PDB file of all heavy atoms in Angstrom:
ATOM      1  N   HIS A   1       2.013  81.717 121.492  1.00  0.00           N
ATOM      2  CA  HIS A   1       2.307  82.930 120.719  1.00  0.00           C
ATOM      3  C   HIS A   1       1.245  83.971 121.041  1.00  0.00           C
ATOM      4  O   HIS A   1       0.456  84.373 120.177  1.00  0.00           O
ATOM      5  CB  HIS A   1       2.345  82.596 119.225  1.00  0.00           C
ATOM      6  CG  HIS A   1       3.357  81.569 118.889  1.00  0.00           C
ATOM      7  ND1 HIS A   1       4.693  81.864 118.716  1.00  0.00           N
ATOM      8  CD2 HIS A   1       3.252  80.219 118.765  1.00  0.00           C
ATOM      9  CE1 HIS A   1       5.368  80.753 118.485  1.00  0.00           C
ATOM     10  NE2 HIS A   1       4.519  79.743 118.505  1.00  0.00           N
ATOM     11  N   VAL A   2       1.240  84.404 122.297  1.00  0.00           N
ATOM     12  CA  VAL A   2       0.223  85.338 122.783  1.00  0.00           C
ATOM     13  C   VAL A   2       0.891  86.480 123.542  1.00  0.00           C
ATOM     14  O   VAL A   2       1.985  86.323 124.086  1.00  0.00           O
ATOM     15  CB  VAL A   2      -0.788  84.631 123.719  1.00  0.00           C
ATOM     16  CG1 VAL A   2      -1.592  83.600 122.958  1.00  0.00           C
ATOM     17  CG2 VAL A   2      -0.068  83.981 124.903  1.00  0.00           C
ATOM     18  N   PRO A   3       0.232  87.638 123.615  1.00  0.00           N
ATOM     19  CA  PRO A   3       0.743  88.727 124.458  1.00  0.00           C
ATOM     20  C   PRO A   3       0.441  88.422 125.919  1.00  0.00           C
ATOM     21  O   PRO A   3      -0.373  87.531 126.235  1.00  0.00           O
ATOM     22  CB  PRO A   3      -0.053  89.941 123.964  1.00  0.00           C
ATOM     23  CG  PRO A   3      -1.355  89.354 123.509  1.00  0.00           C
ATOM     24  CD  PRO A   3      -1.005  88.020 122.904  1.00  0.00           C
ATOM     25  N   LEU A   4       1.072  89.136 126.818  1.00  0.00           N
ATOM     26  CA  LEU A   4       0.795  88.975 128.242  1.00  0.00           C
ATOM     27  C   LEU A   4      -0.316  89.948 128.624  1.00  0.00           C
ATOM     28  O   LEU A   4      -0.125  91.164 128.605  1.00  0.00           O
ATOM     29  CB  LEU A   4       2.050  89.253 129.078  1.00  0.00           C
ATOM     30  CG  LEU A   4       1.880  89.098 130.592  1.00  0.00           C
ATOM     31  CD1 LEU A   4       1.525  87.667 130.960  1.00  0.00           C
ATOM     32  CD2 LEU A   4       3.157  89.529 131.317  1.00  0.00           C
ATOM     33  N   THR A   5      -1.477  89.398 128.941  1.00  0.00           N
ATOM     34  CA  THR A   5      -2.628  90.199 129.350  1.00  0.00           C
ATOM     35  C   THR A   5      -3.240  89.560 130.593  1.00  0.00           C
ATOM     36  O   THR A   5      -2.793  88.500 131.047  1.00  0.00           O
ATOM     37  CB  THR A   5      -3.696  90.242 128.236  1.00  0.00           C
ATOM     38  OG1 THR A   5      -4.228  88.906 128.057  1.00  0.00           O
ATOM     39  CG2 THR A   5      -3.104  90.722 126.918  1.00  0.00           C
ATOM     40  N   ASP A   6      -4.279  90.187 131.133  1.00  0.00           N
ATOM     41  CA  ASP A   6      -4.970  89.591 132.272  1.00  0.00           C
ATOM     42  C   ASP A   6      -5.546  88.229 131.905  1.00  0.00           C
ATOM     43  O   ASP A   6      -5.629  87.331 132.754  1.00  0.00           O
ATOM     44  CB  ASP A   6      -6.103  90.514 132.742  1.00  0.00           C
ATOM     45  CG  ASP A   6      -5.579  91.792 133.383  1.00  0.00           C
ATOM     46  OD1 ASP A   6      -4.402  91.806 133.796  1.00  0.00           O
ATOM     47  OD2 ASP A   6      -6.342  92.779 133.459  1.00  0.00           O
ATOM     48  N   GLU A   7      -5.937  88.047 130.645  1.00  0.00           N
ATOM     49  CA  GLU A   7      -6.524  86.784 130.213  1.00  0.00           C
ATOM     50  C   GLU A   7      -5.480  85.696 130.012  1.00  0.00           C
ATOM     51  O   GLU A   7      -5.755  84.509 130.213  1.00  0.00           O
ATOM     52  CB  GLU A   7      -7.303  86.978 128.912  1.00  0.00           C
ATOM     53  CG  GLU A   7      -8.598  87.768 129.055  1.00  0.00           C
ATOM     54  CD  GLU A   7      -8.347  89.259 129.261  1.00  0.00           C
ATOM     55  OE1 GLU A   7      -7.288  89.760 128.798  1.00  0.00           O
ATOM     56  OE2 GLU A   7      -9.189  89.914 129.907  1.00  0.00           O
ATOM     57  N   THR A   8      -4.271  86.072 129.591  1.00  0.00           N
ATOM     58  CA  THR A   8      -3.259  85.057 129.277  1.00  0.00           C
ATOM     59  C   THR A   8      -2.286  84.795 130.408  1.00  0.00           C
ATOM     60  O   THR A   8      -1.561  83.797 130.384  1.00  0.00           O
ATOM     61  CB  THR A   8      -2.450  85.459 128.027  1.00  0.00           C
ATOM     62  OG1 THR A   8      -1.727  86.673 128.302  1.00  0.00           O
ATOM     63  CG2 THR A   8      -3.366  85.675 126.832  1.00  0.00           C
ATOM     64  N   ARG A   9      -2.240  85.657 131.401  1.00  0.00           N
ATOM     65  CA  ARG A   9      -1.277  85.481 132.486  1.00  0.00           C
ATOM     66  C   ARG A   9      -1.504  84.138 133.197  1.00  0.00           C
ATOM     67  O   ARG A   9      -2.590  83.844 133.673  1.00  0.00           O
ATOM     68  CB  ARG A   9      -1.393  86.613 133.500  1.00  0.00           C
ATOM     69  CG  ARG A   9      -0.283  86.596 134.553  1.00  0.00           C
ATOM     70  CD  ARG A   9      -0.460  87.740 135.537  1.00  0.00           C
ATOM     71  NE  ARG A   9      -0.408  89.039 134.882  1.00  0.00           N
ATOM     72  CZ  ARG A   9       0.720  89.674 134.588  1.00  0.00           C
ATOM     73  NH1 ARG A   9       1.885  89.145 134.918  1.00  0.00           N
ATOM     74  NH2 ARG A   9       0.684  90.851 133.974  1.00  0.00           N
ATOM     75  N   GLY A  10      -0.472  83.323 133.237  1.00  0.00           N
ATOM     76  CA  GLY A  10      -0.563  82.030 133.907  1.00  0.00           C
ATOM     77  C   GLY A  10      -1.538  81.062 133.273  1.00  0.00           C
ATOM     78  O   GLY A  10      -2.025  80.138 133.934  1.00  0.00           O
ATOM     79  N   MET A  11      -1.822  81.200 131.981  1.00  0.00           N
ATOM     80  CA  MET A  11      -2.834  80.348 131.353  1.00  0.00           C
ATOM     81  C   MET A  11      -2.401  78.886 131.298  1.00  0.00           C
ATOM     82  O   MET A  11      -3.246  77.987 131.296  1.00  0.00           O
ATOM     83  CB  MET A  11      -3.196  80.864 129.959  1.00  0.00           C
ATOM     84  CG  MET A  11      -2.104  80.775 128.924  1.00  0.00           C
ATOM     85  SD  MET A  11      -2.576  81.587 127.346  1.00  0.00           S
ATOM     86  CE  MET A  11      -4.142  80.803 126.978  1.00  0.00           C
ATOM     87  N   LEU A  12      -1.099  78.636 131.243  1.00  0.00           N
ATOM     88  CA  LEU A  12      -0.626  77.264 131.378  1.00  0.00           C
ATOM     89  C   LEU A  12      -0.116  77.084 132.799  1.00  0.00           C
ATOM     90  O   LEU A  12       1.039  77.335 133.114  1.00  0.00           O
ATOM     91  CB  LEU A  12       0.470  76.951 130.358  1.00  0.00           C
ATOM     92  CG  LEU A  12       0.035  76.720 128.914  1.00  0.00           C
ATOM     93  CD1 LEU A  12       1.146  76.077 128.111  1.00  0.00           C
ATOM     94  CD2 LEU A  12      -1.236  75.894 128.814  1.00  0.00           C
ATOM     95  N   ASP A  13      -1.029  76.667 133.673  1.00  0.00           N
ATOM     96  CA  ASP A  13      -0.702  76.443 135.078  1.00  0.00           C
ATOM     97  C   ASP A  13      -0.810  74.963 135.394  1.00  0.00           C
ATOM     98  O   ASP A  13      -0.927  74.126 134.487  1.00  0.00           O
ATOM     99  CB  ASP A  13      -1.629  77.274 135.977  1.00  0.00           C
ATOM    100  CG  ASP A  13      -3.099  76.964 135.730  1.00  0.00           C
ATOM    101  OD1 ASP A  13      -3.405  76.025 134.951  1.00  0.00           O
ATOM    102  OD2 ASP A  13      -3.942  77.662 136.300  1.00  0.00           O
ATOM    103  N   GLU A  14      -0.775  74.614 136.668  1.00  0.00           N
ATOM    104  CA  GLU A  14      -0.807  73.201 137.061  1.00  0.00           C
ATOM    105  C   GLU A  14      -2.032  72.485 136.502  1.00  0.00           C
ATOM    106  O   GLU A  14      -1.929  71.362 135.987  1.00  0.00           O
ATOM    107  CB  GLU A  14      -0.789  73.085 138.586  1.00  0.00           C
ATOM    108  CG  GLU A  14      -0.799  71.639 139.071  1.00  0.00           C
ATOM    109  CD  GLU A  14      -0.833  71.541 140.582  1.00  0.00           C
ATOM    110  OE1 GLU A  14      -1.055  72.566 141.244  1.00  0.00           O
ATOM    111  OE2 GLU A  14      -0.636  70.413 141.103  1.00  0.00           O
ATOM    112  N   ALA A  15      -3.197  73.137 136.590  1.00  0.00           N
ATOM    113  CA  ALA A  15      -4.426  72.504 136.111  1.00  0.00           C
ATOM    114  C   ALA A  15      -4.346  72.209 134.619  1.00  0.00           C
ATOM    115  O   ALA A  15      -4.728  71.117 134.164  1.00  0.00           O
ATOM    116  CB  ALA A  15      -5.624  73.389 136.419  1.00  0.00           C
ATOM    117  N   ALA A  16      -3.861  73.175 133.842  1.00  0.00           N
ATOM    118  CA  ALA A  16      -3.744  72.973 132.397  1.00  0.00           C
ATOM    119  C   ALA A  16      -2.702  71.911 132.076  1.00  0.00           C
ATOM    120  O   ALA A  16      -2.918  71.043 131.214  1.00  0.00           O
ATOM    121  CB  ALA A  16      -3.386  74.287 131.708  1.00  0.00           C
ATOM    122  N   ILE A  17      -1.579  71.954 132.765  1.00  0.00           N
ATOM    123  CA  ILE A  17      -0.504  70.997 132.505  1.00  0.00           C
ATOM    124  C   ILE A  17      -0.953  69.576 132.824  1.00  0.00           C
ATOM    125  O   ILE A  17      -0.620  68.619 132.101  1.00  0.00           O
ATOM    126  CB  ILE A  17       0.754  71.378 133.310  1.00  0.00           C
ATOM    127  CG1 ILE A  17       1.348  72.680 132.759  1.00  0.00           C
ATOM    128  CG2 ILE A  17       1.798  70.263 133.252  1.00  0.00           C
ATOM    129  CD1 ILE A  17       2.447  73.276 133.615  1.00  0.00           C
ATOM    130  N   GLN A  18      -1.722  69.400 133.875  1.00  0.00           N
ATOM    131  CA  GLN A  18      -2.187  68.060 134.237  1.00  0.00           C
ATOM    132  C   GLN A  18      -3.172  67.496 133.218  1.00  0.00           C
ATOM    133  O   GLN A  18      -3.364  66.273 133.152  1.00  0.00           O
ATOM    134  CB  GLN A  18      -2.805  68.080 135.634  1.00  0.00           C
ATOM    135  CG  GLN A  18      -1.793  68.248 136.755  1.00  0.00           C
ATOM    136  CD  GLN A  18      -0.680  67.212 136.696  1.00  0.00           C
ATOM    137  OE1 GLN A  18      -0.937  66.017 136.561  1.00  0.00           O
ATOM    138  NE2 GLN A  18       0.570  67.663 136.792  1.00  0.00           N
ATOM    139  N   ARG A  19      -3.794  68.365 132.427  1.00  0.00           N
ATOM    140  CA  ARG A  19      -4.698  67.885 131.382  1.00  0.00           C
ATOM    141  C   ARG A  19      -3.933  67.473 130.126  1.00  0.00           C
ATOM    142  O   ARG A  19      -4.509  66.869 129.212  1.00  0.00           O
ATOM    143  CB  ARG A  19      -5.735  68.959 131.016  1.00  0.00           C
ATOM    144  CG  ARG A  19      -6.672  69.325 132.149  1.00  0.00           C
ATOM    145  CD  ARG A  19      -7.969  69.961 131.648  1.00  0.00           C
ATOM    146  NE  ARG A  19      -7.774  71.097 130.772  1.00  0.00           N
ATOM    147  CZ  ARG A  19      -7.558  72.356 131.190  1.00  0.00           C
ATOM    148  NH1 ARG A  19      -7.474  72.616 132.490  1.00  0.00           N
ATOM    149  NH2 ARG A  19      -7.419  73.344 130.322  1.00  0.00           N
ATOM    150  N   MET A  20      -2.648  67.804 130.053  1.00  0.00           N
ATOM    151  CA  MET A  20      -1.842  67.412 128.897  1.00  0.00           C
ATOM    152  C   MET A  20      -1.520  65.927 128.941  1.00  0.00           C
ATOM    153  O   MET A  20      -1.462  65.315 129.996  1.00  0.00           O
ATOM    154  CB  MET A  20      -0.531  68.218 128.874  1.00  0.00           C
ATOM    155  CG  MET A  20      -0.720  69.705 128.701  1.00  0.00           C
ATOM    156  SD  MET A  20       0.883  70.571 128.794  1.00  0.00           S
ATOM    157  CE  MET A  20       0.321  72.277 128.855  1.00  0.00           C
ATOM    158  N   LYS A  21      -1.300  65.368 127.766  1.00  0.00           N
ATOM    159  CA  LYS A  21      -0.884  63.967 127.678  1.00  0.00           C
ATOM    160  C   LYS A  21       0.500  63.816 128.317  1.00  0.00           C
ATOM    161  O   LYS A  21       1.343  64.705 128.190  1.00  0.00           O
ATOM    162  CB  LYS A  21      -0.799  63.522 126.217  1.00  0.00           C
ATOM    163  CG  LYS A  21      -2.092  63.573 125.447  1.00  0.00           C
ATOM    164  CD  LYS A  21      -1.944  62.910 124.082  1.00  0.00           C
ATOM    165  CE  LYS A  21      -0.888  63.574 123.228  1.00  0.00           C
ATOM    166  NZ  LYS A  21      -0.820  62.954 121.873  1.00  0.00           N
ATOM    167  N   PRO A  22       0.755  62.697 128.982  1.00  0.00           N
ATOM    168  CA  PRO A  22       2.115  62.444 129.472  1.00  0.00           C
ATOM    169  C   PRO A  22       3.105  62.501 128.303  1.00  0.00           C
ATOM    170  O   PRO A  22       2.842  61.965 127.227  1.00  0.00           O
ATOM    171  CB  PRO A  22       2.027  61.039 130.058  1.00  0.00           C
ATOM    172  CG  PRO A  22       0.589  60.883 130.437  1.00  0.00           C
ATOM    173  CD  PRO A  22      -0.175  61.623 129.372  1.00  0.00           C
ATOM    174  N   GLY A  23       4.211  63.186 128.518  1.00  0.00           N
ATOM    175  CA  GLY A  23       5.222  63.283 127.473  1.00  0.00           C
ATOM    176  C   GLY A  23       5.083  64.476 126.555  1.00  0.00           C
ATOM    177  O   GLY A  23       5.875  64.651 125.620  1.00  0.00           O
ATOM    178  N   THR A  24       4.102  65.341 126.802  1.00  0.00           N
ATOM    179  CA  THR A  24       3.920  66.542 125.981  1.00  0.00           C
ATOM    180  C   THR A  24       5.112  67.487 126.136  1.00  0.00           C
ATOM    181  O   THR A  24       5.707  67.588 127.209  1.00  0.00           O
ATOM    182  CB  THR A  24       2.629  67.277 126.389  1.00  0.00           C
ATOM    183  OG1 THR A  24       1.512  66.407 126.168  1.00  0.00           O
ATOM    184  CG2 THR A  24       2.431  68.555 125.592  1.00  0.00           C
ATOM    185  N   PHE A  25       5.444  68.183 125.056  1.00  0.00           N
ATOM    186  CA  PHE A  25       6.496  69.202 125.080  1.00  0.00           C
ATOM    187  C   PHE A  25       5.845  70.586 125.037  1.00  0.00           C
ATOM    188  O   PHE A  25       4.897  70.802 124.287  1.00  0.00           O
ATOM    189  CB  PHE A  25       7.427  69.049 123.879  1.00  0.00           C
ATOM    190  CG  PHE A  25       8.245  67.788 123.892  1.00  0.00           C
ATOM    191  CD1 PHE A  25       7.718  66.605 123.397  1.00  0.00           C
ATOM    192  CD2 PHE A  25       9.529  67.786 124.405  1.00  0.00           C
ATOM    193  CE1 PHE A  25       8.464  65.435 123.406  1.00  0.00           C
ATOM    194  CE2 PHE A  25      10.292  66.629 124.422  1.00  0.00           C
ATOM    195  CZ  PHE A  25       9.751  65.434 123.927  1.00  0.00           C
ATOM    196  N   VAL A  26       6.377  71.515 125.835  1.00  0.00           N
ATOM    197  CA  VAL A  26       5.844  72.875 125.908  1.00  0.00           C
ATOM    198  C   VAL A  26       6.937  73.861 125.521  1.00  0.00           C
ATOM    199  O   VAL A  26       8.062  73.784 126.043  1.00  0.00           O
ATOM    200  CB  VAL A  26       5.329  73.208 127.324  1.00  0.00           C
ATOM    201  CG1 VAL A  26       4.916  74.679 127.420  1.00  0.00           C
ATOM    202  CG2 VAL A  26       4.149  72.300 127.679  1.00  0.00           C
ATOM    203  N   VAL A  27       6.612  74.784 124.619  1.00  0.00           N
ATOM    204  CA  VAL A  27       7.575  75.794 124.173  1.00  0.00           C
ATOM    205  C   VAL A  27       6.938  77.172 124.306  1.00  0.00           C
ATOM    206  O   VAL A  27       5.803  77.390 123.872  1.00  0.00           O
ATOM    207  CB  VAL A  27       7.994  75.545 122.705  1.00  0.00           C
ATOM    208  CG1 VAL A  27       8.891  76.675 122.210  1.00  0.00           C
ATOM    209  CG2 VAL A  27       8.704  74.203 122.574  1.00  0.00           C
ATOM    210  N   ASN A  28       7.681  78.097 124.911  1.00  0.00           N
ATOM    211  CA  ASN A  28       7.191  79.469 125.021  1.00  0.00           C
ATOM    212  C   ASN A  28       8.275  80.452 124.601  1.00  0.00           C
ATOM    213  O   ASN A  28       9.272  80.637 125.301  1.00  0.00           O
ATOM    214  CB  ASN A  28       6.734  79.796 126.442  1.00  0.00           C
ATOM    215  CG  ASN A  28       6.157  81.200 126.552  1.00  0.00           C
ATOM    216  OD1 ASN A  28       5.709  81.768 125.559  1.00  0.00           O
ATOM    217  ND2 ASN A  28       6.177  81.762 127.737  1.00  0.00           N
ATOM    218  N   ALA A  29       8.060  81.086 123.448  1.00  0.00           N
ATOM    219  CA  ALA A  29       8.959  82.141 122.983  1.00  0.00           C
ATOM    220  C   ALA A  29       8.166  83.419 122.782  1.00  0.00           C
ATOM    221  O   ALA A  29       8.562  84.279 121.997  1.00  0.00           O
ATOM    222  CB  ALA A  29       9.645  81.717 121.689  1.00  0.00           C
ATOM    223  N   SER A  30       7.028  83.540 123.481  1.00  0.00           N
ATOM    224  CA  SER A  30       6.171  84.718 123.296  1.00  0.00           C
ATOM    225  C   SER A  30       6.398  85.749 124.386  1.00  0.00           C
ATOM    226  O   SER A  30       7.113  86.723 124.190  1.00  0.00           O
ATOM    227  CB  SER A  30       4.706  84.303 123.235  1.00  0.00           C
ATOM    228  OG  SER A  30       4.290  83.636 124.420  1.00  0.00           O
ATOM    229  N   ARG A  31       5.801  85.540 125.552  1.00  0.00           N
ATOM    230  CA  ARG A  31       5.943  86.464 126.663  1.00  0.00           C
ATOM    231  C   ARG A  31       6.073  85.689 127.973  1.00  0.00           C
ATOM    232  O   ARG A  31       5.369  84.709 128.204  1.00  0.00           O
ATOM    233  CB  ARG A  31       4.731  87.409 126.761  1.00  0.00           C
ATOM    234  CG  ARG A  31       4.713  88.487 125.693  1.00  0.00           C
ATOM    235  CD  ARG A  31       5.817  89.520 125.921  1.00  0.00           C
ATOM    236  NE  ARG A  31       5.840  90.564 124.907  1.00  0.00           N
ATOM    237  CZ  ARG A  31       6.592  90.534 123.813  1.00  0.00           C
ATOM    238  NH1 ARG A  31       7.355  89.482 123.557  1.00  0.00           N
ATOM    239  NH2 ARG A  31       6.562  91.534 122.962  1.00  0.00           N
ATOM    240  N   GLY A  32       7.000  86.147 128.831  1.00  0.00           N
ATOM    241  CA  GLY A  32       7.109  85.554 130.147  1.00  0.00           C
ATOM    242  C   GLY A  32       5.839  85.822 130.935  1.00  0.00           C
ATOM    243  O   GLY A  32       5.212  86.864 130.779  1.00  0.00           O
ATOM    244  N   GLY A  33       5.434  84.857 131.751  1.00  0.00           N
ATOM    245  CA  GLY A  33       4.248  85.038 132.569  1.00  0.00           C
ATOM    246  C   GLY A  33       3.037  84.295 132.059  1.00  0.00           C
ATOM    247  O   GLY A  33       2.089  84.066 132.809  1.00  0.00           O
TER     248      GLY A  33
END
């Protein structure tokens, strides 16, 4: 639930996703990108 800024753009990328527990669910209804 964040705006799209230089700081938030791509904040959930491969590196972040790989740190998630297996089976985690991700939902984004805020901003594309």
